[in-house]
Amino acid sequence: LRNNDKVVDLAKLGKDEIFGETSMFTDS
């Protein structure tokens, strides 16, 4: 996440991991 100049790392993901799915469930 980035808020102005502040960056917050949430995760580093690799093989067989999934991302982007949470927003799809909420149609947002």
PDB file of all heavy atoms in Angstrom:
ATOM      1  N   LEU A   1       0.849  -1.180   0.000  1.00  0.00           N
ATOM      2  CA  LEU A   1       0.000   0.000   0.000  1.00  0.00           C
ATOM      3  C   LEU A   1       0.889   1.235   0.000  1.00  0.00           C
ATOM      4  O   LEU A   1       1.983   1.223   0.570  1.00  0.00           O
ATOM      5  CB  LEU A   1      -0.888   0.034   1.242  1.00  0.00           C
ATOM      6  CG  LEU A   1      -1.925  -1.073   1.360  1.00  0.00           C
ATOM      7  CD1 LEU A   1      -2.584  -1.034   2.729  1.00  0.00           C
ATOM      8  CD2 LEU A   1      -2.965  -0.947   0.266  1.00  0.00           C
ATOM      9  N   ARG A   2       0.414   2.297  -0.633  1.00  0.00           N
ATOM     10  CA  ARG A   2       1.144   3.568  -0.648  1.00  0.00           C
ATOM     11  C   ARG A   2       0.164   4.666  -0.258  1.00  0.00           C
ATOM     12  O   ARG A   2      -0.926   4.746  -0.797  1.00  0.00           O
ATOM     13  CB  ARG A   2       1.716   3.852  -2.024  1.00  0.00           C
ATOM     14  CG  ARG A   2       2.459   5.179  -2.126  1.00  0.00           C
ATOM     15  CD  ARG A   2       2.945   5.452  -3.528  1.00  0.00           C
ATOM     16  NE  ARG A   2       3.863   4.448  -4.013  1.00  0.00           N
ATOM     17  CZ  ARG A   2       5.183   4.434  -3.775  1.00  0.00           C
ATOM     18  NH1 ARG A   2       5.723   5.374  -3.051  1.00  0.00           N
ATOM     19  NH2 ARG A   2       5.936   3.477  -4.275  1.00  0.00           N
ATOM     20  N   ASN A   3       0.572   5.487   0.695  1.00  0.00           N
ATOM     21  CA  ASN A   3      -0.208   6.643   1.106  1.00  0.00           C
ATOM     22  C   ASN A   3       0.745   7.827   1.093  1.00  0.00           C
ATOM     23  O   ASN A   3       1.562   7.978   2.001  1.00  0.00           O
ATOM     24  CB  ASN A   3      -0.813   6.426   2.489  1.00  0.00           C
ATOM     25  CG  ASN A   3      -1.832   7.480   2.841  1.00  0.00           C
ATOM     26  OD1 ASN A   3      -1.984   8.475   2.140  1.00  0.00           O
ATOM     27  ND2 ASN A   3      -2.534   7.266   3.935  1.00  0.00           N
ATOM     28  N   ASN A   4       0.669   8.622   0.032  1.00  0.00           N
ATOM     29  CA  ASN A   4       1.632   9.701  -0.224  1.00  0.00           C
ATOM     30  C   ASN A   4       3.022   9.099  -0.324  1.00  0.00           C
ATOM     31  O   ASN A   4       3.248   8.252  -1.165  1.00  0.00           O
ATOM     32  CB  ASN A   4       1.515  10.797   0.831  1.00  0.00           C
ATOM     33  CG  ASN A   4       0.135  11.455   0.812  1.00  0.00           C
ATOM     34  OD1 ASN A   4      -0.422  11.702  -0.244  1.00  0.00           O
ATOM     35  ND2 ASN A   4      -0.421  11.713   1.985  1.00  0.00           N
ATOM     36  N   ASP A   5       3.932   9.477   0.562  1.00  0.00           N
ATOM     37  CA  ASP A   5       5.301   8.948   0.499  1.00  0.00           C
ATOM     38  C   ASP A   5       5.488   7.710   1.371  1.00  0.00           C
ATOM     39  O   ASP A   5       6.566   7.130   1.391  1.00  0.00           O
ATOM     40  CB  ASP A   5       6.309  10.021   0.918  1.00  0.00           C
ATOM     41  CG  ASP A   5       6.394  11.158  -0.086  1.00  0.00           C
ATOM     42  OD1 ASP A   5       6.108  10.899  -1.283  1.00  0.00           O
ATOM     43  OD2 ASP A   5       6.718  12.278   0.315  1.00  0.00           O
ATOM     44  N   LYS A   6       4.479   7.325   2.106  1.00  0.00           N
ATOM     45  CA  LYS A   6       4.571   6.181   3.015  1.00  0.00           C
ATOM     46  C   LYS A   6       4.186   4.904   2.282  1.00  0.00           C
ATOM     47  O   LYS A   6       3.143   4.842   1.632  1.00  0.00           O
ATOM     48  CB  LYS A   6       3.643   6.394   4.216  1.00  0.00           C
ATOM     49  CG  LYS A   6       3.683   5.293   5.231  1.00  0.00           C
ATOM     50  CD  LYS A   6       4.984   5.252   5.975  1.00  0.00           C
ATOM     51  CE  LYS A   6       4.928   4.189   7.048  1.00  0.00           C
ATOM     52  NZ  LYS A   6       6.206   4.000   7.691  1.00  0.00           N
ATOM     53  N   VAL A   7       5.050   3.882   2.369  1.00  0.00           N
ATOM     54  CA  VAL A   7       4.791   2.594   1.731  1.00  0.00           C
ATOM     55  C   VAL A   7       4.738   1.522   2.809  1.00  0.00           C
ATOM     56  O   VAL A   7       5.618   1.458   3.679  1.00  0.00           O
ATOM     57  CB  VAL A   7       5.891   2.250   0.700  1.00  0.00           C
ATOM     58  CG1 VAL A   7       5.658   0.864   0.112  1.00  0.00           C
ATOM     59  CG2 VAL A   7       5.930   3.296  -0.401  1.00  0.00           C
ATOM     60  N   VAL A   8       3.703   0.686   2.761  1.00  0.00           N
ATOM     61  CA  VAL A   8       3.553  -0.418   3.708  1.00  0.00           C
ATOM     62  C   VAL A   8       3.541  -1.711   2.903  1.00  0.00           C
ATOM     63  O   VAL A   8       2.631  -1.945   2.100  1.00  0.00           O
ATOM     64  CB  VAL A   8       2.248  -0.295   4.529  1.00  0.00           C
ATOM     65  CG1 VAL A   8       2.097  -1.479   5.476  1.00  0.00           C
ATOM     66  CG2 VAL A   8       2.201   1.015   5.279  1.00  0.00           C
ATOM     67  N   ASP A   9       4.571  -2.543   3.094  1.00  0.00           N
ATOM     68  CA  ASP A   9       4.610  -3.847   2.436  1.00  0.00           C
ATOM     69  C   ASP A   9       3.667  -4.797   3.162  1.00  0.00           C
ATOM     70  O   ASP A   9       3.732  -4.931   4.387  1.00  0.00           O
ATOM     71  CB  ASP A   9       6.032  -4.417   2.454  1.00  0.00           C
ATOM     72  CG  ASP A   9       6.924  -3.737   1.433  1.00  0.00           C
ATOM     73  OD1 ASP A   9       6.460  -3.496   0.310  1.00  0.00           O
ATOM     74  OD2 ASP A   9       8.088  -3.441   1.762  1.00  0.00           O
ATOM     75  N   LEU A  10       2.794  -5.446   2.386  1.00  0.00           N
ATOM     76  CA  LEU A  10       1.839  -6.389   2.960  1.00  0.00           C
ATOM     77  C   LEU A  10       2.276  -7.829   2.780  1.00  0.00           C
ATOM     78  O   LEU A  10       2.034  -8.662   3.654  1.00  0.00           O
ATOM     79  CB  LEU A  10       0.452  -6.200   2.317  1.00  0.00           C
ATOM     80  CG  LEU A  10      -0.187  -4.830   2.494  1.00  0.00           C
ATOM     81  CD1 LEU A  10      -1.498  -4.756   1.707  1.00  0.00           C
ATOM     82  CD2 LEU A  10      -0.424  -4.543   3.970  1.00  0.00           C
ATOM     83  N   ALA A  11       2.901  -8.135   1.643  1.00  0.00           N
ATOM     84  CA  ALA A  11       3.288  -9.527   1.399  1.00  0.00           C
ATOM     85  C   ALA A  11       4.251  -9.625   0.228  1.00  0.00           C
ATOM     86  O   ALA A  11       4.283  -8.760  -0.648  1.00  0.00           O
ATOM     87  CB  ALA A  11       2.046 -10.365   1.087  1.00  0.00           C
ATOM     88  N   LYS A  12       5.010 -10.701   0.249  1.00  0.00           N
ATOM     89  CA  LYS A  12       5.805 -11.139  -0.896  1.00  0.00           C
ATOM     90  C   LYS A  12       5.282 -12.536  -1.205  1.00  0.00           C
ATOM     91  O   LYS A  12       5.320 -13.417  -0.346  1.00  0.00           O
ATOM     92  CB  LYS A  12       7.296 -11.173  -0.539  1.00  0.00           C
ATOM     93  CG  LYS A  12       8.176 -11.602  -1.687  1.00  0.00           C
ATOM     94  CD  LYS A  12       9.651 -11.577  -1.261  1.00  0.00           C
ATOM     95  CE  LYS A  12      10.538 -12.098  -2.366  1.00  0.00           C
ATOM     96  NZ  LYS A  12      11.952 -12.108  -1.960  1.00  0.00           N
ATOM     97  N   LEU A  13       4.756 -12.722  -2.408  1.00  0.00           N
ATOM     98  CA  LEU A  13       4.106 -13.978  -2.760  1.00  0.00           C
ATOM     99  C   LEU A  13       4.862 -14.687  -3.873  1.00  0.00           C
ATOM    100  O   LEU A  13       5.472 -14.043  -4.720  1.00  0.00           O
ATOM    101  CB  LEU A  13       2.672 -13.711  -3.228  1.00  0.00           C
ATOM    102  CG  LEU A  13       1.771 -12.938  -2.263  1.00  0.00           C
ATOM    103  CD1 LEU A  13       0.430 -12.656  -2.911  1.00  0.00           C
ATOM    104  CD2 LEU A  13       1.605 -13.695  -0.961  1.00  0.00           C
ATOM    105  N   GLY A  14       4.783 -16.021  -3.856  1.00  0.00           N
ATOM    106  CA  GLY A  14       5.457 -16.827  -4.858  1.00  0.00           C
ATOM    107  C   GLY A  14       4.566 -17.929  -5.405  1.00  0.00           C
ATOM    108  O   GLY A  14       3.335 -17.894  -5.258  1.00  0.00           O
ATOM    109  N   LYS A  15       5.197 -18.907  -5.992  1.00  0.00           N
ATOM    110  CA  LYS A  15       4.531 -20.001  -6.703  1.00  0.00           C
ATOM    111  C   LYS A  15       3.336 -20.561  -5.930  1.00  0.00           C
ATOM    112  O   LYS A  15       3.402 -20.809  -4.734  1.00  0.00           O
ATOM    113  CB  LYS A  15       5.534 -21.118  -6.983  1.00  0.00           C
ATOM    114  CG  LYS A  15       4.972 -22.264  -7.819  1.00  0.00           C
ATOM    115  CD  LYS A  15       6.051 -23.240  -8.208  1.00  0.00           C
ATOM    116  CE  LYS A  15       5.576 -24.483  -8.886  1.00  0.00           C
ATOM    117  NZ  LYS A  15       4.509 -24.382  -9.827  1.00  0.00           N
ATOM    118  N   ASP A  16       2.234 -20.742  -6.662  1.00  0.00           N
ATOM    119  CA  ASP A  16       0.978 -21.315  -6.185  1.00  0.00           C
ATOM    120  C   ASP A  16       0.197 -20.418  -5.225  1.00  0.00           C
ATOM    121  O   ASP A  16      -0.832 -20.839  -4.700  1.00  0.00           O
ATOM    122  CB  ASP A  16       1.190 -22.694  -5.547  1.00  0.00           C
ATOM    123  CG  ASP A  16       1.666 -23.732  -6.559  1.00  0.00           C
ATOM    124  OD1 ASP A  16       1.343 -23.581  -7.758  1.00  0.00           O
ATOM    125  OD2 ASP A  16       2.363 -24.679  -6.160  1.00  0.00           O
ATOM    126  N   GLU A  17       0.646 -19.179  -5.018  1.00  0.00           N
ATOM    127  CA  GLU A  17      -0.122 -18.257  -4.182  1.00  0.00           C
ATOM    128  C   GLU A  17      -1.024 -17.408  -5.082  1.00  0.00           C
ATOM    129  O   GLU A  17      -0.752 -17.217  -6.259  1.00  0.00           O
ATOM    130  CB  GLU A  17       0.803 -17.394  -3.336  1.00  0.00           C
ATOM    131  CG  GLU A  17       1.549 -18.235  -2.302  1.00  0.00           C
ATOM    132  CD  GLU A  17       2.337 -17.411  -1.323  1.00  0.00           C
ATOM    133  OE1 GLU A  17       3.455 -16.986  -1.677  1.00  0.00           O
ATOM    134  OE2 GLU A  17       1.815 -17.190  -0.203  1.00  0.00           O
ATOM    135  N   ILE A  18      -2.107 -16.910  -4.490  1.00  0.00           N
ATOM    136  CA  ILE A  18      -3.126 -16.165  -5.235  1.00  0.00           C
ATOM    137  C   ILE A  18      -3.237 -14.754  -4.671  1.00  0.00           C
ATOM    138  O   ILE A  18      -3.132 -14.553  -3.462  1.00  0.00           O
ATOM    139  CB  ILE A  18      -4.493 -16.888  -5.138  1.00  0.00           C
ATOM    140  CG1 ILE A  18      -4.407 -18.264  -5.803  1.00  0.00           C
ATOM    141  CG2 ILE A  18      -5.605 -16.051  -5.762  1.00  0.00           C
ATOM    142  CD1 ILE A  18      -5.643 -19.117  -5.646  1.00  0.00           C
ATOM    143  N   PHE A  19      -3.464 -13.792  -5.571  1.00  0.00           N
ATOM    144  CA  PHE A  19      -3.702 -12.414  -5.137  1.00  0.00           C
ATOM    145  C   PHE A  19      -4.754 -11.777  -6.029  1.00  0.00           C
ATOM    146  O   PHE A  19      -5.022 -12.242  -7.124  1.00  0.00           O
ATOM    147  CB  PHE A  19      -2.407 -11.588  -5.132  1.00  0.00           C
ATOM    148  CG  PHE A  19      -1.761 -11.452  -6.483  1.00  0.00           C
ATOM    149  CD1 PHE A  19      -2.076 -10.381  -7.309  1.00  0.00           C
ATOM    150  CD2 PHE A  19      -0.837 -12.386  -6.932  1.00  0.00           C
ATOM    151  CE1 PHE A  19      -1.478 -10.260  -8.563  1.00  0.00           C
ATOM    152  CE2 PHE A  19      -0.233 -12.259  -8.179  1.00  0.00           C
ATOM    153  CZ  PHE A  19      -0.565 -11.193  -8.998  1.00  0.00           C
ATOM    154  N   GLY A  20      -5.365 -10.691  -5.498  1.00  0.00           N
ATOM    155  CA  GLY A  20      -6.386  -9.973  -6.244  1.00  0.00           C
ATOM    156  C   GLY A  20      -7.785 -10.509  -6.053  1.00  0.00           C
ATOM    157  O   GLY A  20      -8.755  -9.932  -6.535  1.00  0.00           O
ATOM    158  N   GLU A  21      -7.912 -11.590  -5.329  1.00  0.00           N
ATOM    159  CA  GLU A  21      -9.213 -12.253  -5.199  1.00  0.00           C
ATOM    160  C   GLU A  21     -10.140 -11.557  -4.218  1.00  0.00           C
ATOM    161  O   GLU A  21     -11.360 -11.605  -4.384  1.00  0.00           O
ATOM    162  CB  GLU A  21      -9.028 -13.719  -4.791  1.00  0.00           C
ATOM    163  CG  GLU A  21      -8.702 -13.964  -3.336  1.00  0.00           C
ATOM    164  CD  GLU A  21      -7.331 -13.477  -2.883  1.00  0.00           C
ATOM    165  OE1 GLU A  21      -6.465 -13.208  -3.711  1.00  0.00           O
ATOM    166  OE2 GLU A  21      -7.137 -13.373  -1.657  1.00  0.00           O
ATOM    167  N   THR A  22      -9.604 -10.904  -3.209  1.00  0.00           N
ATOM    168  CA  THR A  22     -10.476 -10.344  -2.170  1.00  0.00           C
ATOM    169  C   THR A  22     -11.416  -9.274  -2.716  1.00  0.00           C
ATOM    170  O   THR A  22     -12.597  -9.268  -2.390  1.00  0.00           O
ATOM    171  CB  THR A  22      -9.666  -9.777  -0.993  1.00  0.00           C
ATOM    172  OG1 THR A  22      -8.737  -8.807  -1.484  1.00  0.00           O
ATOM    173  CG2 THR A  22      -8.919 -10.872  -0.273  1.00  0.00           C
ATOM    174  N   SER A  23     -10.927  -8.399  -3.553  1.00  0.00           N
ATOM    175  CA  SER A  23     -11.774  -7.345  -4.115  1.00  0.00           C
ATOM    176  C   SER A  23     -12.813  -7.914  -5.069  1.00  0.00           C
ATOM    177  O   SER A  23     -13.895  -7.347  -5.225  1.00  0.00           O
ATOM    178  CB  SER A  23     -10.915  -6.309  -4.836  1.00  0.00           C
ATOM    179  OG  SER A  23     -10.051  -5.700  -3.911  1.00  0.00           O
ATOM    180  N   MET A  24     -12.496  -9.028  -5.715  1.00  0.00           N
ATOM    181  CA  MET A  24     -13.455  -9.642  -6.632  1.00  0.00           C
ATOM    182  C   MET A  24     -14.670 -10.175  -5.873  1.00  0.00           C
ATOM    183  O   MET A  24     -15.783 -10.162  -6.376  1.00  0.00           O
ATOM    184  CB  MET A  24     -12.793 -10.753  -7.438  1.00  0.00           C
ATOM    185  CG  MET A  24     -11.786 -10.222  -8.446  1.00  0.00           C
ATOM    186  SD  MET A  24     -10.981 -11.536  -9.370  1.00  0.00           S
ATOM    187  CE  MET A  24     -12.338 -12.144 -10.364  1.00  0.00           C
ATOM    188  N   PHE A  25     -14.457 -10.628  -4.637  1.00  0.00           N
ATOM    189  CA  PHE A  25     -15.569 -11.142  -3.840  1.00  0.00           C
ATOM    190  C   PHE A  25     -16.518 -10.025  -3.432  1.00  0.00           C
ATOM    191  O   PHE A  25     -17.703 -10.254  -3.226  1.00  0.00           O
ATOM    192  CB  PHE A  25     -15.060 -11.852  -2.585  1.00  0.00           C
ATOM    193  CG  PHE A  25     -14.641 -13.267  -2.819  1.00  0.00           C
ATOM    194  CD1 PHE A  25     -13.321 -13.583  -3.077  1.00  0.00           C
ATOM    195  CD2 PHE A  25     -15.566 -14.292  -2.788  1.00  0.00           C
ATOM    196  CE1 PHE A  25     -12.926 -14.886  -3.302  1.00  0.00           C
ATOM    197  CE2 PHE A  25     -15.179 -15.606  -3.012  1.00  0.00           C
ATOM    198  CZ  PHE A  25     -13.852 -15.901  -3.265  1.00  0.00           C
ATOM    199  N   THR A  26     -15.987  -8.830  -3.276  1.00  0.00           N
ATOM    200  CA  THR A  26     -16.806  -7.708  -2.829  1.00  0.00           C
ATOM    201  C   THR A  26     -17.232  -6.827  -3.991  1.00  0.00           C
ATOM    202  O   THR A  26     -17.838  -5.789  -3.789  1.00  0.00           O
ATOM    203  CB  THR A  26     -16.041  -6.858  -1.794  1.00  0.00           C
ATOM    204  OG1 THR A  26     -14.815  -6.401  -2.375  1.00  0.00           O
ATOM    205  CG2 THR A  26     -15.750  -7.662  -0.543  1.00  0.00           C
ATOM    206  N   ASP A  27     -16.881  -7.221  -5.236  1.00  0.00           N
ATOM    207  CA  ASP A  27     -17.235  -6.466  -6.440  1.00  0.00           C
ATOM    208  C   ASP A  27     -16.822  -5.006  -6.283  1.00  0.00           C
ATOM    209  O   ASP A  27     -17.617  -4.095  -6.438  1.00  0.00           O
ATOM    210  CB  ASP A  27     -18.732  -6.586  -6.736  1.00  0.00           C
ATOM    211  CG  ASP A  27     -19.062  -6.086  -8.146  1.00  0.00           C
ATOM    212  OD1 ASP A  27     -18.191  -6.211  -9.042  1.00  0.00           O
ATOM    213  OD2 ASP A  27     -20.166  -5.577  -8.341  1.00  0.00           O
ATOM    214  N   SER A  28     -15.561  -4.809  -5.947  1.00  0.00           N
ATOM    215  CA  SER A  28     -15.082  -3.464  -5.695  1.00  0.00           C
ATOM    216  C   SER A  28     -13.766  -3.213  -6.431  1.00  0.00           C
ATOM    217  O   SER A  28     -13.527  -3.761  -7.498  1.00  0.00           O
ATOM    218  CB  SER A  28     -14.918  -3.250  -4.193  1.00  0.00           C
ATOM    219  OG  SER A  28     -13.940  -4.135  -3.673  1.00  0.00           O
TER     220      SER A  28
END
